[in-house]
Amino acid sequence: MAEKEIDLRRLVIKAFHMTDVEFGEHNDITVDGHMTVSKEMLDELVAKEEHIEKIDIQIIKPGDHDRWTNTIMDIIPISTKVLGKLGEGITHTITGVYVMLTGVDVNGKQCHEFGSSEGNLKDQLYLNRAGTPGDNDYIISFDVTLAAGMGQERPGPTAAHRVCDEFIQTYREKLKKFKGEKCTERHEYHDIVRPGKKRVLIVRQVAGQGAMYDTHLFSNEPSGVEGGRSIIDMGNMPILITPNEYRDGIIRSMQ
């Protein structure tokens, strides 16, 4: 008689779709799909980071990609834990909007090591790929200007990721309070052990060198920075994660 499957953990992801994004007095999102973006906290973020000179935010509407962009450092979804830790419990996420972190220093030197991606956004960003915006998605451009030369020093890009994460956290705190039954999509995933079956291990190689080639894991929030640990600081050693931890954004690229 075959052994029964073992359900180790369950992850439920509830999505809330945003239909319009506009500038306003405060950062805000509503369960019926309205998002407001504010620049009110930017001066405070700049003041607390010695390597950052300026932050600018722009709302890029669907199809409005024929425009200049500095080097793209990351495309970030807005997601938050509502119950449990990364890889299990309940996660709320926003669809229809992504945050794009870009960076340059005060002298115009792009934030990169071996190659940069500044230029016309429509030529530099592939849409409709896993982890990138779709044709109908809004993009919040979070553009960081670093002190001279800090785009190639590890503290500079790390500071840029950190302030962007603080900006996103204002939305996460509101997203946590959304009633789950109001979601526009619901997905459920299980980490299952099947005794007697083949054991599958997927190896993913991640970046772990220099300023622009770092990877953080185990942050407090999905695709977050706060609480995360650098793969470099962990000695670039192999790390085991579960399928649901991967789905839930436990890896954050710091490139």
Protein backbone atom coordinates (compact mmCIF):
# COMPACT_ATOMS: atom_id res chain seq x y z
CA MET A 1 0.00 0.00 0.00
CA ALA A 2 1.41 3.37 -1.03
CA GLU A 3 2.27 5.80 1.73
CA LYS A 4 0.08 8.85 2.05
CA GLU A 5 1.27 12.23 0.83
CA ILE A 6 2.45 14.61 3.54
CA ASP A 7 1.27 18.22 3.26
CA LEU A 8 4.05 20.18 4.97
CA ARG A 9 2.77 23.71 4.56
CA ARG A 10 0.20 25.80 2.72
CA LEU A 11 0.63 29.23 1.14
CA VAL A 12 -2.36 31.32 0.06
CA ILE A 13 -1.71 34.38 -2.11
CA LYS A 14 -4.57 36.85 -2.48
CA ALA A 15 -4.22 39.50 -5.18
CA PHE A 16 -5.89 42.90 -5.30
CA HIS A 17 -5.91 44.57 -8.70
CA MET A 18 -5.22 48.29 -9.09
CA THR A 19 -7.05 49.93 -11.98
CA ASP A 20 -5.72 53.49 -11.69
CA VAL A 21 -2.67 55.19 -10.19
CA GLU A 22 -2.30 58.93 -9.63
CA PHE A 23 -0.33 61.43 -7.56
CA GLY A 24 -1.88 62.59 -4.32
CA GLU A 25 -1.18 63.96 -0.87
CA HIS A 26 -0.38 60.60 0.75
CA ASN A 27 0.59 57.07 -0.29
CA ASP A 28 -2.64 55.10 -0.31
CA ILE A 29 -4.38 52.10 -1.86
CA THR A 30 -8.01 51.06 -1.73
CA VAL A 31 -9.55 47.63 -2.06
CA ASP A 32 -11.58 48.83 -5.05
CA GLY A 33 -8.44 49.44 -7.11
CA HIS A 34 -7.32 53.03 -6.58
CA MET A 35 -3.70 53.88 -5.77
CA THR A 36 -2.28 57.25 -4.76
CA VAL A 37 1.44 58.05 -4.91
CA SER A 38 2.97 60.86 -2.87
CA LYS A 39 6.42 62.42 -2.70
CA GLU A 40 5.92 63.60 0.89
CA MET A 41 8.38 61.16 2.48
CA LEU A 42 11.23 61.55 -0.03
CA ASP A 43 13.09 64.32 1.84
CA GLU A 44 12.98 62.24 5.02
CA LEU A 45 14.37 59.19 3.20
CA VAL A 46 17.20 61.23 1.69
CA ALA A 47 18.07 62.80 5.05
CA LYS A 48 18.63 59.45 6.75
CA GLU A 49 20.98 58.03 4.08
CA GLU A 50 24.42 59.63 3.74
CA HIS A 51 25.06 58.13 0.30
CA ILE A 52 21.83 59.38 -1.31
CA GLU A 53 21.54 62.90 -2.74
CA LYS A 54 18.06 62.86 -4.28
CA ILE A 55 15.03 60.66 -4.98
CA ASP A 56 12.47 61.23 -7.70
CA ILE A 57 9.21 59.38 -8.33
CA GLN A 58 7.28 59.20 -11.58
CA ILE A 59 4.13 57.32 -12.54
CA ILE A 60 4.54 55.55 -15.87
CA LYS A 61 1.20 54.70 -17.41
CA PRO A 62 0.63 51.60 -19.56
CA GLY A 63 2.14 52.16 -23.00
CA ASP A 64 4.04 55.30 -21.94
CA HIS A 65 7.47 53.67 -22.23
CA ASP A 66 9.03 55.92 -24.86
CA ARG A 67 11.02 57.81 -22.22
CA TRP A 68 14.46 57.99 -20.63
CA THR A 69 15.38 55.77 -17.71
CA ASN A 70 18.50 55.42 -15.60
CA THR A 71 19.89 51.93 -15.00
CA ILE A 72 17.17 49.54 -13.84
CA MET A 73 18.25 48.02 -10.52
CA ASP A 74 15.11 46.01 -9.81
CA ILE A 75 11.44 45.47 -10.65
CA ILE A 76 9.57 44.97 -7.37
CA PRO A 77 6.06 43.70 -6.67
CA ILE A 78 4.12 45.13 -3.72
CA SER A 79 3.34 42.20 -1.42
CA THR A 80 3.00 41.68 2.32
CA LYS A 81 2.57 38.92 4.88
CA VAL A 82 -0.81 38.88 6.58
CA LEU A 83 -0.47 35.57 8.42
CA GLY A 84 2.57 33.39 9.07
CA LYS A 85 6.11 33.72 7.77
CA LEU A 86 7.51 33.68 4.25
CA GLY A 87 6.57 30.46 2.50
CA GLU A 88 3.40 29.72 4.43
CA GLY A 89 0.23 31.36 5.70
CA ILE A 90 -1.41 34.22 3.81
CA THR A 91 0.17 36.84 1.55
CA HIS A 92 -1.59 39.83 0.03
CA THR A 93 -0.20 41.24 -3.21
CA ILE A 94 -1.07 43.99 -5.67
CA THR A 95 -1.50 43.40 -9.39
CA GLY A 96 -1.56 46.10 -12.05
CA VAL A 97 1.37 48.03 -10.51
CA TYR A 98 5.11 47.40 -10.17
CA VAL A 99 7.86 49.52 -8.61
CA MET A 100 10.96 50.11 -10.75
CA LEU A 101 14.12 51.08 -8.86
CA THR A 102 16.72 52.96 -10.92
CA GLY A 103 20.03 54.55 -9.96
CA VAL A 104 22.70 57.03 -11.04
CA ASP A 105 25.24 59.18 -9.20
CA VAL A 106 25.44 62.99 -9.11
CA ASN A 107 28.01 62.97 -11.92
CA GLY A 108 25.74 61.00 -14.23
CA LYS A 109 27.61 57.71 -13.80
CA GLN A 110 25.12 54.87 -13.93
CA CYS A 111 24.72 52.47 -11.02
CA HIS A 112 26.29 49.34 -12.49
CA GLU A 113 29.40 47.17 -12.63
CA PHE A 114 29.74 45.16 -15.86
CA GLY A 115 26.91 46.72 -17.83
CA SER A 116 24.20 49.36 -17.51
CA SER A 117 20.62 49.57 -18.76
CA GLU A 118 20.04 53.30 -19.08
CA GLY A 119 18.32 54.56 -22.21
CA ASN A 120 14.85 54.47 -23.69
CA LEU A 121 12.64 52.42 -21.38
CA LYS A 122 10.83 50.73 -24.25
CA ASP A 123 14.17 49.31 -25.41
CA GLN A 124 15.52 48.40 -21.96
CA LEU A 125 12.53 46.69 -20.32
CA TYR A 126 10.98 43.47 -21.61
CA LEU A 127 7.28 43.35 -20.78
CA ASN A 128 5.08 40.32 -20.11
CA ARG A 129 7.90 38.19 -18.69
CA ALA A 130 7.99 36.50 -15.30
CA GLY A 131 8.81 39.27 -12.84
CA THR A 132 8.26 42.18 -15.24
CA PRO A 133 5.23 44.42 -15.84
CA GLY A 134 2.65 43.54 -18.45
CA ASP A 135 1.31 45.71 -21.25
CA ASN A 136 -1.50 47.05 -19.05
CA ASP A 137 0.47 47.57 -15.84
CA TYR A 138 1.45 50.87 -14.25
CA ILE A 139 5.07 51.39 -13.19
CA ILE A 140 6.12 53.56 -10.26
CA SER A 141 9.61 54.79 -11.16
CA PHE A 142 11.68 55.24 -7.98
CA ASP A 143 14.83 56.99 -9.22
CA VAL A 144 17.73 57.38 -6.77
CA THR A 145 20.66 59.77 -7.25
CA LEU A 146 23.68 58.66 -5.24
CA ALA A 147 26.72 60.60 -4.06
CA ALA A 148 29.67 60.70 -6.44
CA GLY A 149 31.15 57.26 -7.05
CA MET A 150 28.73 55.44 -4.75
CA GLY A 151 27.02 53.58 -7.57
CA GLN A 152 29.99 51.23 -7.64
CA GLU A 153 30.41 50.90 -3.86
CA ARG A 154 28.30 48.36 -2.00
CA PRO A 155 26.78 50.82 0.54
CA GLY A 156 25.33 52.96 -2.29
CA PRO A 157 23.11 50.41 -4.06
CA THR A 158 22.19 48.87 -0.70
CA ALA A 159 20.98 52.28 0.51
CA ALA A 160 18.94 52.71 -2.68
CA HIS A 161 17.23 49.36 -2.15
CA ARG A 162 16.64 50.19 1.51
CA VAL A 163 14.86 53.52 0.92
CA CYS A 164 12.78 52.03 -1.88
CA ASP A 165 11.73 49.27 0.52
CA GLU A 166 10.68 51.87 3.10
CA PHE A 167 8.57 53.59 0.45
CA ILE A 168 6.90 50.30 -0.50
CA GLN A 169 6.30 49.46 3.17
CA THR A 170 3.77 52.30 3.42
CA TYR A 171 1.61 50.39 0.95
CA ARG A 172 2.26 47.04 2.62
CA GLU A 173 0.89 48.34 5.91
CA LYS A 174 -2.39 49.27 4.22
CA LEU A 175 -2.48 46.07 2.16
CA LYS A 176 -2.27 43.98 5.34
CA LYS A 177 -5.64 45.36 6.42
CA PHE A 178 -7.54 44.46 3.24
CA LYS A 179 -10.31 41.92 3.78
CA GLY A 180 -9.27 38.71 2.06
CA GLU A 181 -12.70 38.00 0.61
CA LYS A 182 -12.41 41.20 -1.45
CA CYS A 183 -9.45 39.87 -3.46
CA THR A 184 -9.61 39.73 -7.25
CA GLU A 185 -7.51 36.53 -7.45
CA ARG A 186 -6.76 33.72 -5.02
CA HIS A 187 -4.01 31.12 -5.41
CA GLU A 188 -3.20 28.24 -3.06
CA TYR A 189 0.08 26.32 -3.04
CA HIS A 190 1.18 23.32 -0.98
CA ASP A 191 4.63 21.94 -0.19
CA ILE A 192 3.96 18.21 -0.45
CA VAL A 193 6.18 15.22 0.33
CA ARG A 194 5.39 12.06 -1.65
CA PRO A 195 7.07 9.10 0.09
CA GLY A 196 8.63 6.64 -2.32
CA LYS A 197 8.70 9.13 -5.18
CA LYS A 198 11.74 10.83 -6.64
CA ARG A 199 13.11 13.75 -4.65
CA VAL A 200 13.63 16.79 -6.87
CA LEU A 201 16.16 19.52 -6.13
CA ILE A 202 16.36 22.63 -8.31
CA VAL A 203 19.65 24.53 -8.20
CA ARG A 204 19.49 28.27 -8.81
CA GLN A 205 22.68 30.26 -9.13
CA VAL A 206 22.42 33.77 -7.69
CA ALA A 207 24.77 36.75 -7.68
CA GLY A 208 27.12 37.20 -4.74
CA GLN A 209 29.99 39.53 -5.52
CA GLY A 210 30.72 43.24 -5.50
CA ALA A 211 28.31 46.15 -5.16
CA MET A 212 25.81 45.42 -7.89
CA TYR A 213 25.89 41.63 -7.70
CA ASP A 214 24.38 40.79 -4.33
CA THR A 215 21.35 38.78 -3.26
CA HIS A 216 19.35 39.08 -0.03
CA LEU A 217 17.30 36.29 1.53
CA PHE A 218 14.94 35.84 4.50
CA SER A 219 13.58 39.39 4.68
CA ASN A 220 10.57 40.24 6.82
CA GLU A 221 8.32 40.87 3.81
CA PRO A 222 7.96 39.24 0.37
CA SER A 223 10.57 40.69 -2.02
CA GLY A 224 11.64 42.96 0.83
CA VAL A 225 14.92 44.31 2.19
CA GLU A 226 14.34 44.88 5.92
CA GLY A 227 15.51 41.86 7.90
CA GLY A 228 17.18 40.26 4.87
CA ARG A 229 20.65 38.74 4.89
CA SER A 230 23.23 39.14 2.12
CA ILE A 231 24.43 35.98 0.38
CA ILE A 232 27.89 37.59 0.47
CA ASP A 233 27.75 37.99 4.25
CA MET A 234 26.70 34.34 4.50
CA GLY A 235 29.88 33.35 2.67
CA ASN A 236 28.17 32.54 -0.64
CA MET A 237 27.28 29.15 0.78
CA PRO A 238 24.42 27.01 -0.61
CA ILE A 239 21.07 27.82 1.01
CA LEU A 240 18.09 25.45 1.01
CA ILE A 241 14.65 27.01 0.55
CA THR A 242 11.24 25.45 -0.01
CA PRO A 243 9.17 25.85 -3.19
CA ASN A 244 6.67 28.01 -1.32
CA GLU A 245 9.40 30.23 0.15
CA TYR A 246 10.58 30.85 -3.41
CA ARG A 247 7.02 31.62 -4.55
CA ASP A 248 6.57 33.97 -1.62
CA GLY A 249 9.52 36.19 -2.52
CA ILE A 250 12.19 35.03 -0.07
CA ILE A 251 14.93 35.92 -2.60
CA ARG A 252 15.60 39.60 -3.34
CA SER A 253 18.00 40.47 -6.14
CA MET A 254 20.13 43.46 -5.15
CA GLN A 255 21.50 44.11 -8.64
